[in-house]
Amino acid sequence: MRRASKKSSSSAATASAGAEQVNEKQNRKRKGVSTNLTSRKAQRGPTKAVSKEVERIDQFFYTYADNSSGMIDPEGIETLCSHLEVPHTDVRILMLAWKMGCEKQGYFTLDEWRTGLKALRADSISKLKKAFPELVQEVTRPTNFQDFYTYAFRYCLTEDKKKCIEIPVACELLNLVLGLQFRPQVDKLNDYLKYQNDYKVINMDQWMGFIRFCNEINFPSLDNYDSDLAWPLILDNFVEWLRENKS
């Protein structure tokens, strides 16, 4: 009888230990599930916020997009400008296109819109208005301005494989883009371009020569301009015209 008692007490102890192990495993699992749920919720939080932001940016886009093309076309851009209370020729609209990385003049795609407006943290007219001063500061930094200046020329190539812009367009663009920082030089350059008859269009090499001239040449003295250096011929002619008119 004593042996039977020992066996039953031993079995009870074993069963109790087994139950404790099972309970401990279950507790660990519950803790693991709780931790996983907490981490998943933490991960979902920012993701939901981002998706909500994109959703608002998309809704903002479709306010101006054409239903048939699925893009904001020139008419949509004019409406956008009227809501922003700026003319469609305002340089800030060109800066916005640069920020979006727009490829075709007068058209904003949804992907381009998302890229630009996410970076500007703007999902409404009021927020986009508030973002303009920061955008202007960003563009006019020396590290960005050269890229913006180059982009402005490419953006105005309205046809595929086109490599030049017409003189009137070049004058408007110089006034809009380079006039921000070099008003006296741009005024004289525009006067010359309208006066001369040798050139009907401007290519990229000439366009980049204009900004190099403004950055490097003392104006209005022109005392460090050397025509023997690798300047586009149009700038040699411009300097010669300036000197003749000065005398």
C-alpha atoms as a PDB file:
ATOM      1  CA  MET A   1       0.000   0.000   0.000  1.00  0.00           C
ATOM      2  CA  ARG A   2       2.889   2.323   0.868  1.00  0.00           C
ATOM      3  CA  ARG A   3       4.452   1.682  -2.556  1.00  0.00           C
ATOM      4  CA  ALA A   4       1.200   2.546  -4.275  1.00  0.00           C
ATOM      5  CA  SER A   5       1.065   5.781  -2.267  1.00  0.00           C
ATOM      6  CA  LYS A   6       4.589   6.709  -3.309  1.00  0.00           C
ATOM      7  CA  LYS A   7       3.773   6.059  -6.957  1.00  0.00           C
ATOM      8  CA  SER A   8       0.626   8.162  -6.883  1.00  0.00           C
ATOM      9  CA  SER A   9       2.404  11.080  -5.150  1.00  0.00           C
ATOM     10  CA  SER A  10       5.232  10.840  -7.695  1.00  0.00           C
ATOM     11  CA  SER A  11       2.744  10.851 -10.606  1.00  0.00           C
ATOM     12  CA  ALA A  12       0.965  13.866  -9.126  1.00  0.00           C
ATOM     13  CA  ALA A  13       4.247  15.770  -8.834  1.00  0.00           C
ATOM     14  CA  THR A  14       5.132  14.915 -12.428  1.00  0.00           C
ATOM     15  CA  ALA A  15       1.697  16.016 -13.671  1.00  0.00           C
ATOM     16  CA  SER A  16       1.986  19.257 -11.681  1.00  0.00           C
ATOM     17  CA  ALA A  17       5.430  20.009 -13.173  1.00  0.00           C
ATOM     18  CA  GLY A  18       4.128  19.237 -16.654  1.00  0.00           C
ATOM     19  CA  ALA A  19       1.193  21.578 -16.162  1.00  0.00           C
ATOM     20  CA  GLU A  20       3.522  24.319 -14.983  1.00  0.00           C
ATOM     21  CA  GLN A  21       5.675  23.881 -18.100  1.00  0.00           C
ATOM     22  CA  VAL A  22       2.603  24.027 -20.339  1.00  0.00           C
ATOM     23  CA  ASN A  23       1.358  27.169 -18.561  1.00  0.00           C
ATOM     24  CA  GLU A  24       4.800  28.768 -18.858  1.00  0.00           C
ATOM     25  CA  LYS A  25       4.921  28.013 -22.619  1.00  0.00           C
ATOM     26  CA  GLN A  26       1.420  29.395 -23.077  1.00  0.00           C
ATOM     27  CA  ASN A  27       2.385  32.548 -21.172  1.00  0.00           C
ATOM     28  CA  ARG A  28       5.464  32.942 -23.351  1.00  0.00           C
ATOM     29  CA  LYS A  29       3.344  32.547 -26.473  1.00  0.00           C
ATOM     30  CA  ARG A  30       0.844  35.095 -25.208  1.00  0.00           C
ATOM     31  CA  LYS A  31       3.655  37.537 -24.454  1.00  0.00           C
ATOM     32  CA  GLY A  32       5.128  36.868 -27.891  1.00  0.00           C
ATOM     33  CA  VAL A  33       1.777  37.478 -29.563  1.00  0.00           C
ATOM     34  CA  SER A  34       1.292  40.655 -27.517  1.00  0.00           C
ATOM     35  CA  THR A  35       4.779  41.920 -28.437  1.00  0.00           C
ATOM     36  CA  ASN A  36       4.235  41.090 -32.092  1.00  0.00           C
ATOM     37  CA  LEU A  37       0.889  42.878 -32.109  1.00  0.00           C
ATOM     38  CA  THR A  38       2.443  45.927 -30.446  1.00  0.00           C
ATOM     39  CA  SER A  39       5.294  46.034 -32.968  1.00  0.00           C
ATOM     40  CA  ARG A  40       2.863  45.557 -35.852  1.00  0.00           C
ATOM     41  CA  LYS A  41       0.704  48.418 -34.583  1.00  0.00           C
ATOM     42  CA  ALA A  42       3.810  50.583 -34.271  1.00  0.00           C
ATOM     43  CA  GLN A  43       4.725  49.731 -37.854  1.00  0.00           C
ATOM     44  CA  ARG A  44       1.209  50.338 -39.111  1.00  0.00           C
ATOM     45  CA  GLY A  45       0.998  53.813 -37.538  1.00  0.00           C
ATOM     46  CA  PRO A  46       3.489  55.654 -39.831  1.00  0.00           C
ATOM     47  CA  THR A  47       2.415  53.580 -42.835  1.00  0.00           C
ATOM     48  CA  LYS A  48      -1.204  54.607 -42.340  1.00  0.00           C
ATOM     49  CA  ALA A  49      -0.149  58.240 -41.933  1.00  0.00           C
ATOM     50  CA  VAL A  50       1.878  58.105 -45.158  1.00  0.00           C
ATOM     51  CA  SER A  51      -0.943  56.425 -47.075  1.00  0.00           C
ATOM     52  CA  LYS A  52      -3.391  59.068 -45.814  1.00  0.00           C
ATOM     53  CA  GLU A  53      -1.001  61.798 -46.950  1.00  0.00           C
ATOM     54  CA  VAL A  54      -0.679  60.230 -50.411  1.00  0.00           C
ATOM     55  CA  GLU A  55      -4.450  59.890 -50.560  1.00  0.00           C
ATOM     56  CA  ARG A  56      -4.875  63.624 -49.852  1.00  0.00           C
ATOM     57  CA  ILE A  57      -2.172  64.507 -52.410  1.00  0.00           C
ATOM     58  CA  ASP A  58      -3.963  62.353 -54.991  1.00  0.00           C
ATOM     59  CA  GLN A  59      -7.296  64.038 -54.257  1.00  0.00           C
ATOM     60  CA  PHE A  60      -5.573  67.403 -54.647  1.00  0.00           C
ATOM     61  CA  PHE A  61      -4.206  66.239 -58.031  1.00  0.00           C
ATOM     62  CA  TYR A  62      -7.613  65.136 -59.356  1.00  0.00           C
ATOM     63  CA  THR A  63      -9.043  68.571 -58.549  1.00  0.00           C
ATOM     64  CA  TYR A  64      -7.086  69.841 -61.570  1.00  0.00           C
ATOM     65  CA  ALA A  65      -6.516  66.729 -63.691  1.00  0.00           C
ATOM     66  CA  ASP A  66      -8.196  66.181 -67.037  1.00  0.00           C
ATOM     67  CA  ASN A  67     -10.385  63.065 -66.916  1.00  0.00           C
ATOM     68  CA  SER A  68      -9.485  61.798 -70.376  1.00  0.00           C
ATOM     69  CA  SER A  69      -5.694  62.187 -70.172  1.00  0.00           C
ATOM     70  CA  GLY A  70      -5.319  61.546 -66.435  1.00  0.00           C
ATOM     71  CA  MET A  71      -2.867  64.466 -66.253  1.00  0.00           C
ATOM     72  CA  ILE A  72      -2.963  68.088 -65.231  1.00  0.00           C
ATOM     73  CA  ASP A  73      -2.840  69.808 -68.620  1.00  0.00           C
ATOM     74  CA  PRO A  74      -2.217  73.515 -69.458  1.00  0.00           C
ATOM     75  CA  GLU A  75      -5.832  74.395 -68.627  1.00  0.00           C
ATOM     76  CA  GLY A  76      -5.547  72.614 -65.278  1.00  0.00           C
ATOM     77  CA  ILE A  77      -2.269  74.415 -64.535  1.00  0.00           C
ATOM     78  CA  GLU A  78      -3.927  77.771 -65.251  1.00  0.00           C
ATOM     79  CA  THR A  79      -6.716  76.893 -62.797  1.00  0.00           C
ATOM     80  CA  LEU A  80      -4.119  75.821 -60.226  1.00  0.00           C
ATOM     81  CA  CYS A  81      -2.283  79.136 -60.708  1.00  0.00           C
ATOM     82  CA  SER A  82      -5.477  81.118 -60.231  1.00  0.00           C
ATOM     83  CA  HIS A  83      -6.112  79.281 -56.944  1.00  0.00           C
ATOM     84  CA  LEU A  84      -2.492  79.933 -55.915  1.00  0.00           C
ATOM     85  CA  GLU A  85      -3.022  83.576 -56.920  1.00  0.00           C
ATOM     86  CA  VAL A  86       0.062  83.650 -59.166  1.00  0.00           C
ATOM     87  CA  PRO A  87       0.319  84.101 -62.963  1.00  0.00           C
ATOM     88  CA  HIS A  88       1.107  80.936 -64.916  1.00  0.00           C
ATOM     89  CA  THR A  89       4.347  82.638 -66.067  1.00  0.00           C
ATOM     90  CA  ASP A  90       5.538  83.032 -62.452  1.00  0.00           C
ATOM     91  CA  VAL A  91       8.989  81.499 -61.919  1.00  0.00           C
ATOM     92  CA  ARG A  92       7.659  79.580 -58.905  1.00  0.00           C
ATOM     93  CA  ILE A  93       5.535  77.434 -61.218  1.00  0.00           C
ATOM     94  CA  LEU A  94       8.703  76.520 -63.111  1.00  0.00           C
ATOM     95  CA  MET A  95      10.378  75.785 -59.765  1.00  0.00           C
ATOM     96  CA  LEU A  96       7.444  73.541 -58.877  1.00  0.00           C
ATOM     97  CA  ALA A  97       7.871  71.663 -62.167  1.00  0.00           C
ATOM     98  CA  TRP A  98      11.590  71.270 -61.350  1.00  0.00           C
ATOM     99  CA  LYS A  99      10.751  69.930 -57.877  1.00  0.00           C
ATOM    100  CA  MET A 100       8.348  67.412 -59.438  1.00  0.00           C
ATOM    101  CA  GLY A 101      10.850  66.430 -62.127  1.00  0.00           C
ATOM    102  CA  CYS A 102       8.263  67.121 -64.843  1.00  0.00           C
ATOM    103  CA  GLU A 103       9.323  65.940 -68.287  1.00  0.00           C
ATOM    104  CA  LYS A 104       6.758  67.599 -70.544  1.00  0.00           C
ATOM    105  CA  GLN A 105       6.097  71.319 -70.546  1.00  0.00           C
ATOM    106  CA  GLY A 106       2.575  72.217 -69.427  1.00  0.00           C
ATOM    107  CA  TYR A 107       1.712  68.753 -68.083  1.00  0.00           C
ATOM    108  CA  PHE A 108       1.920  67.219 -64.595  1.00  0.00           C
ATOM    109  CA  THR A 109       1.516  63.446 -64.200  1.00  0.00           C
ATOM    110  CA  LEU A 110       0.258  61.858 -60.988  1.00  0.00           C
ATOM    111  CA  ASP A 111       3.679  60.350 -60.192  1.00  0.00           C
ATOM    112  CA  GLU A 112       5.396  63.706 -60.746  1.00  0.00           C
ATOM    113  CA  TRP A 113       2.789  65.440 -58.583  1.00  0.00           C
ATOM    114  CA  ARG A 114       3.279  62.921 -55.776  1.00  0.00           C
ATOM    115  CA  THR A 115       7.063  63.271 -55.921  1.00  0.00           C
ATOM    116  CA  GLY A 116       6.992  67.051 -55.658  1.00  0.00           C
ATOM    117  CA  LEU A 117       4.177  67.522 -53.190  1.00  0.00           C
ATOM    118  CA  LYS A 118       5.358  64.802 -50.811  1.00  0.00           C
ATOM    119  CA  ALA A 119       8.755  66.519 -50.711  1.00  0.00           C
ATOM    120  CA  LEU A 120       7.050  69.879 -50.064  1.00  0.00           C
ATOM    121  CA  ARG A 121       4.613  68.319 -47.547  1.00  0.00           C
ATOM    122  CA  ALA A 122       1.751  70.010 -49.376  1.00  0.00           C
ATOM    123  CA  ASP A 123      -1.641  68.370 -49.878  1.00  0.00           C
ATOM    124  CA  SER A 124      -3.740  71.520 -50.292  1.00  0.00           C
ATOM    125  CA  ILE A 125      -3.637  74.979 -51.871  1.00  0.00           C
ATOM    126  CA  SER A 126      -2.901  76.660 -48.535  1.00  0.00           C
ATOM    127  CA  LYS A 127       0.018  74.321 -47.796  1.00  0.00           C
ATOM    128  CA  LEU A 128       1.420  74.708 -51.308  1.00  0.00           C
ATOM    129  CA  LYS A 129       1.304  78.498 -50.935  1.00  0.00           C
ATOM    130  CA  LYS A 130       3.190  78.228 -47.645  1.00  0.00           C
ATOM    131  CA  ALA A 131       5.780  75.936 -49.263  1.00  0.00           C
ATOM    132  CA  PHE A 132       6.736  78.480 -51.970  1.00  0.00           C
ATOM    133  CA  PRO A 133       9.254  80.523 -49.906  1.00  0.00           C
ATOM    134  CA  GLU A 134      11.096  77.349 -48.892  1.00  0.00           C
ATOM    135  CA  LEU A 135      11.069  76.162 -52.522  1.00  0.00           C
ATOM    136  CA  VAL A 136      12.550  79.471 -53.733  1.00  0.00           C
ATOM    137  CA  GLN A 137      15.297  79.204 -51.117  1.00  0.00           C
ATOM    138  CA  GLU A 138      16.052  75.643 -52.195  1.00  0.00           C
ATOM    139  CA  VAL A 139      16.279  76.515 -55.898  1.00  0.00           C
ATOM    140  CA  THR A 140      18.444  79.608 -55.422  1.00  0.00           C
ATOM    141  CA  ARG A 141      21.114  77.766 -53.445  1.00  0.00           C
ATOM    142  CA  PRO A 142      24.289  77.622 -55.600  1.00  0.00           C
ATOM    143  CA  THR A 143      24.277  73.813 -55.400  1.00  0.00           C
ATOM    144  CA  ASN A 144      20.784  73.672 -56.949  1.00  0.00           C
ATOM    145  CA  PHE A 145      20.580  76.749 -59.160  1.00  0.00           C
ATOM    146  CA  GLN A 146      22.789  75.385 -61.947  1.00  0.00           C
ATOM    147  CA  ASP A 147      20.607  72.283 -62.131  1.00  0.00           C
ATOM    148  CA  PHE A 148      17.435  74.401 -62.174  1.00  0.00           C
ATOM    149  CA  TYR A 149      18.879  76.638 -64.910  1.00  0.00           C
ATOM    150  CA  THR A 150      19.732  73.597 -67.059  1.00  0.00           C
ATOM    151  CA  TYR A 151      16.300  72.059 -66.375  1.00  0.00           C
ATOM    152  CA  ALA A 152      14.538  75.269 -67.472  1.00  0.00           C
ATOM    153  CA  PHE A 153      16.079  75.000 -70.945  1.00  0.00           C
ATOM    154  CA  ARG A 154      15.206  71.305 -71.348  1.00  0.00           C
ATOM    155  CA  TYR A 155      11.677  71.886 -70.057  1.00  0.00           C
ATOM    156  CA  CYS A 156      11.100  74.398 -72.863  1.00  0.00           C
ATOM    157  CA  LEU A 157      12.022  71.910 -75.589  1.00  0.00           C
ATOM    158  CA  THR A 158       8.415  71.297 -76.500  1.00  0.00           C
ATOM    159  CA  GLU A 159       9.024  68.620 -79.152  1.00  0.00           C
ATOM    160  CA  ASP A 160      10.898  65.315 -79.076  1.00  0.00           C
ATOM    161  CA  LYS A 161      14.478  65.542 -80.374  1.00  0.00           C
ATOM    162  CA  LYS A 162      14.300  69.333 -80.336  1.00  0.00           C
ATOM    163  CA  LYS A 163      17.656  70.805 -79.264  1.00  0.00           C
ATOM    164  CA  CYS A 164      17.151  74.578 -79.519  1.00  0.00           C
ATOM    165  CA  ILE A 165      14.724  77.240 -78.320  1.00  0.00           C
ATOM    166  CA  GLU A 166      13.702  80.288 -80.340  1.00  0.00           C
ATOM    167  CA  ILE A 167      15.187  83.701 -79.479  1.00  0.00           C
ATOM    168  CA  PRO A 168      11.901  85.170 -78.078  1.00  0.00           C
ATOM    169  CA  VAL A 169      11.501  82.104 -75.810  1.00  0.00           C
ATOM    170  CA  ALA A 170      15.156  82.354 -74.740  1.00  0.00           C
ATOM    171  CA  CYS A 171      14.672  86.020 -73.819  1.00  0.00           C
ATOM    172  CA  GLU A 172      11.600  85.250 -71.710  1.00  0.00           C
ATOM    173  CA  LEU A 173      13.370  82.352 -70.020  1.00  0.00           C
ATOM    174  CA  LEU A 174      16.526  84.364 -69.293  1.00  0.00           C
ATOM    175  CA  ASN A 175      14.377  87.078 -67.786  1.00  0.00           C
ATOM    176  CA  LEU A 176      12.479  84.539 -65.676  1.00  0.00           C
ATOM    177  CA  VAL A 177      15.363  82.353 -64.514  1.00  0.00           C
ATOM    178  CA  LEU A 178      18.669  84.221 -64.718  1.00  0.00           C
ATOM    179  CA  GLY A 179      17.088  87.585 -63.969  1.00  0.00           C
ATOM    180  CA  LEU A 180      16.608  86.379 -60.376  1.00  0.00           C
ATOM    181  CA  GLN A 181      20.300  86.851 -59.671  1.00  0.00           C
ATOM    182  CA  PHE A 182      21.817  88.790 -62.582  1.00  0.00           C
ATOM    183  CA  ARG A 183      19.332  91.475 -63.605  1.00  0.00           C
ATOM    184  CA  PRO A 184      21.779  93.999 -65.221  1.00  0.00           C
ATOM    185  CA  GLN A 185      23.475  91.312 -67.346  1.00  0.00           C
ATOM    186  CA  VAL A 186      20.165  89.764 -68.411  1.00  0.00           C
ATOM    187  CA  ASP A 187      18.700  93.117 -69.452  1.00  0.00           C
ATOM    188  CA  LYS A 188      21.686  93.835 -71.713  1.00  0.00           C
ATOM    189  CA  LEU A 189      21.777  90.282 -73.069  1.00  0.00           C
ATOM    190  CA  ASN A 190      18.099  90.439 -73.969  1.00  0.00           C
ATOM    191  CA  ASP A 191      18.628  93.796 -75.672  1.00  0.00           C
ATOM    192  CA  TYR A 192      21.395  92.270 -77.763  1.00  0.00           C
ATOM    193  CA  LEU A 193      19.454  89.104 -78.659  1.00  0.00           C
ATOM    194  CA  LYS A 194      16.531  91.193 -79.889  1.00  0.00           C
ATOM    195  CA  TYR A 195      18.871  93.507 -81.827  1.00  0.00           C
ATOM    196  CA  GLN A 196      21.059  90.922 -83.613  1.00  0.00           C
ATOM    197  CA  ASN A 197      20.050  88.986 -86.750  1.00  0.00           C
ATOM    198  CA  ASP A 198      22.686  86.230 -86.810  1.00  0.00           C
ATOM    199  CA  TYR A 199      20.876  83.797 -84.512  1.00  0.00           C
ATOM    200  CA  LYS A 200      17.276  82.588 -84.668  1.00  0.00           C
ATOM    201  CA  VAL A 201      17.603  79.949 -81.952  1.00  0.00           C
ATOM    202  CA  ILE A 202      19.722  79.192 -78.850  1.00  0.00           C
ATOM    203  CA  ASN A 203      21.249  75.778 -78.142  1.00  0.00           C
ATOM    204  CA  MET A 204      22.288  74.258 -74.817  1.00  0.00           C
ATOM    205  CA  ASP A 205      25.966  75.195 -75.185  1.00  0.00           C
ATOM    206  CA  GLN A 206      25.052  78.855 -75.707  1.00  0.00           C
ATOM    207  CA  TRP A 207      22.512  78.707 -72.888  1.00  0.00           C
ATOM    208  CA  MET A 208      25.124  77.387 -70.440  1.00  0.00           C
ATOM    209  CA  GLY A 209      27.557  80.027 -71.708  1.00  0.00           C
ATOM    210  CA  PHE A 210      25.169  82.750 -70.525  1.00  0.00           C
ATOM    211  CA  ILE A 211      25.224  81.612 -66.888  1.00  0.00           C
ATOM    212  CA  ARG A 212      28.985  81.090 -66.993  1.00  0.00           C
ATOM    213  CA  PHE A 213      29.367  84.659 -68.314  1.00  0.00           C
ATOM    214  CA  CYS A 214      27.243  86.024 -65.459  1.00  0.00           C
ATOM    215  CA  ASN A 215      29.174  84.055 -62.848  1.00  0.00           C
ATOM    216  CA  GLU A 216      32.694  84.770 -64.128  1.00  0.00           C
ATOM    217  CA  ILE A 217      32.817  88.108 -65.949  1.00  0.00           C
ATOM    218  CA  ASN A 218      33.065  91.470 -64.208  1.00  0.00           C
ATOM    219  CA  PHE A 219      30.073  93.525 -65.247  1.00  0.00           C
ATOM    220  CA  PRO A 220      29.788  96.124 -66.651  1.00  0.00           C
ATOM    221  CA  SER A 221      33.554  96.609 -67.021  1.00  0.00           C
ATOM    222  CA  LEU A 222      34.091  93.263 -68.864  1.00  0.00           C
ATOM    223  CA  ASP A 223      37.798  93.720 -68.070  1.00  0.00           C
ATOM    224  CA  ASN A 224      38.395  90.001 -67.520  1.00  0.00           C
ATOM    225  CA  TYR A 225      36.634  88.767 -70.668  1.00  0.00           C
ATOM    226  CA  ASP A 226      39.060  87.001 -72.988  1.00  0.00           C
ATOM    227  CA  SER A 227      37.676  86.071 -76.403  1.00  0.00           C
ATOM    228  CA  ASP A 228      40.583  83.632 -76.882  1.00  0.00           C
ATOM    229  CA  LEU A 229      39.062  81.409 -74.216  1.00  0.00           C
ATOM    230  CA  ALA A 230      36.406  78.828 -75.077  1.00  0.00           C
ATOM    231  CA  TRP A 231      33.343  81.093 -75.147  1.00  0.00           C
ATOM    232  CA  PRO A 232      30.447  80.526 -77.547  1.00  0.00           C
ATOM    233  CA  LEU A 233      30.741  82.900 -80.522  1.00  0.00           C
ATOM    234  CA  ILE A 234      27.443  84.543 -79.609  1.00  0.00           C
ATOM    235  CA  LEU A 235      29.054  85.825 -76.393  1.00  0.00           C
ATOM    236  CA  ASP A 236      32.086  87.192 -78.273  1.00  0.00           C
ATOM    237  CA  ASN A 237      29.622  89.118 -80.433  1.00  0.00           C
ATOM    238  CA  PHE A 238      27.665  90.238 -77.376  1.00  0.00           C
ATOM    239  CA  VAL A 239      30.774  91.613 -75.649  1.00  0.00           C
ATOM    240  CA  GLU A 240      31.873  93.356 -78.840  1.00  0.00           C
ATOM    241  CA  TRP A 241      28.397  94.933 -79.132  1.00  0.00           C
ATOM    242  CA  LEU A 242      28.541  96.078 -75.494  1.00  0.00           C
ATOM    243  CA  ARG A 243      31.944  97.695 -75.957  1.00  0.00           C
ATOM    244  CA  GLU A 244      30.881  99.458 -79.139  1.00  0.00           C
ATOM    245  CA  ASN A 245      27.774 100.843 -77.499  1.00  0.00           C
ATOM    246  CA  LYS A 246      29.734 101.921 -74.434  1.00  0.00           C
ATOM    247  CA  SER A 247      32.157 103.987 -76.544  1.00  0.00           C
END
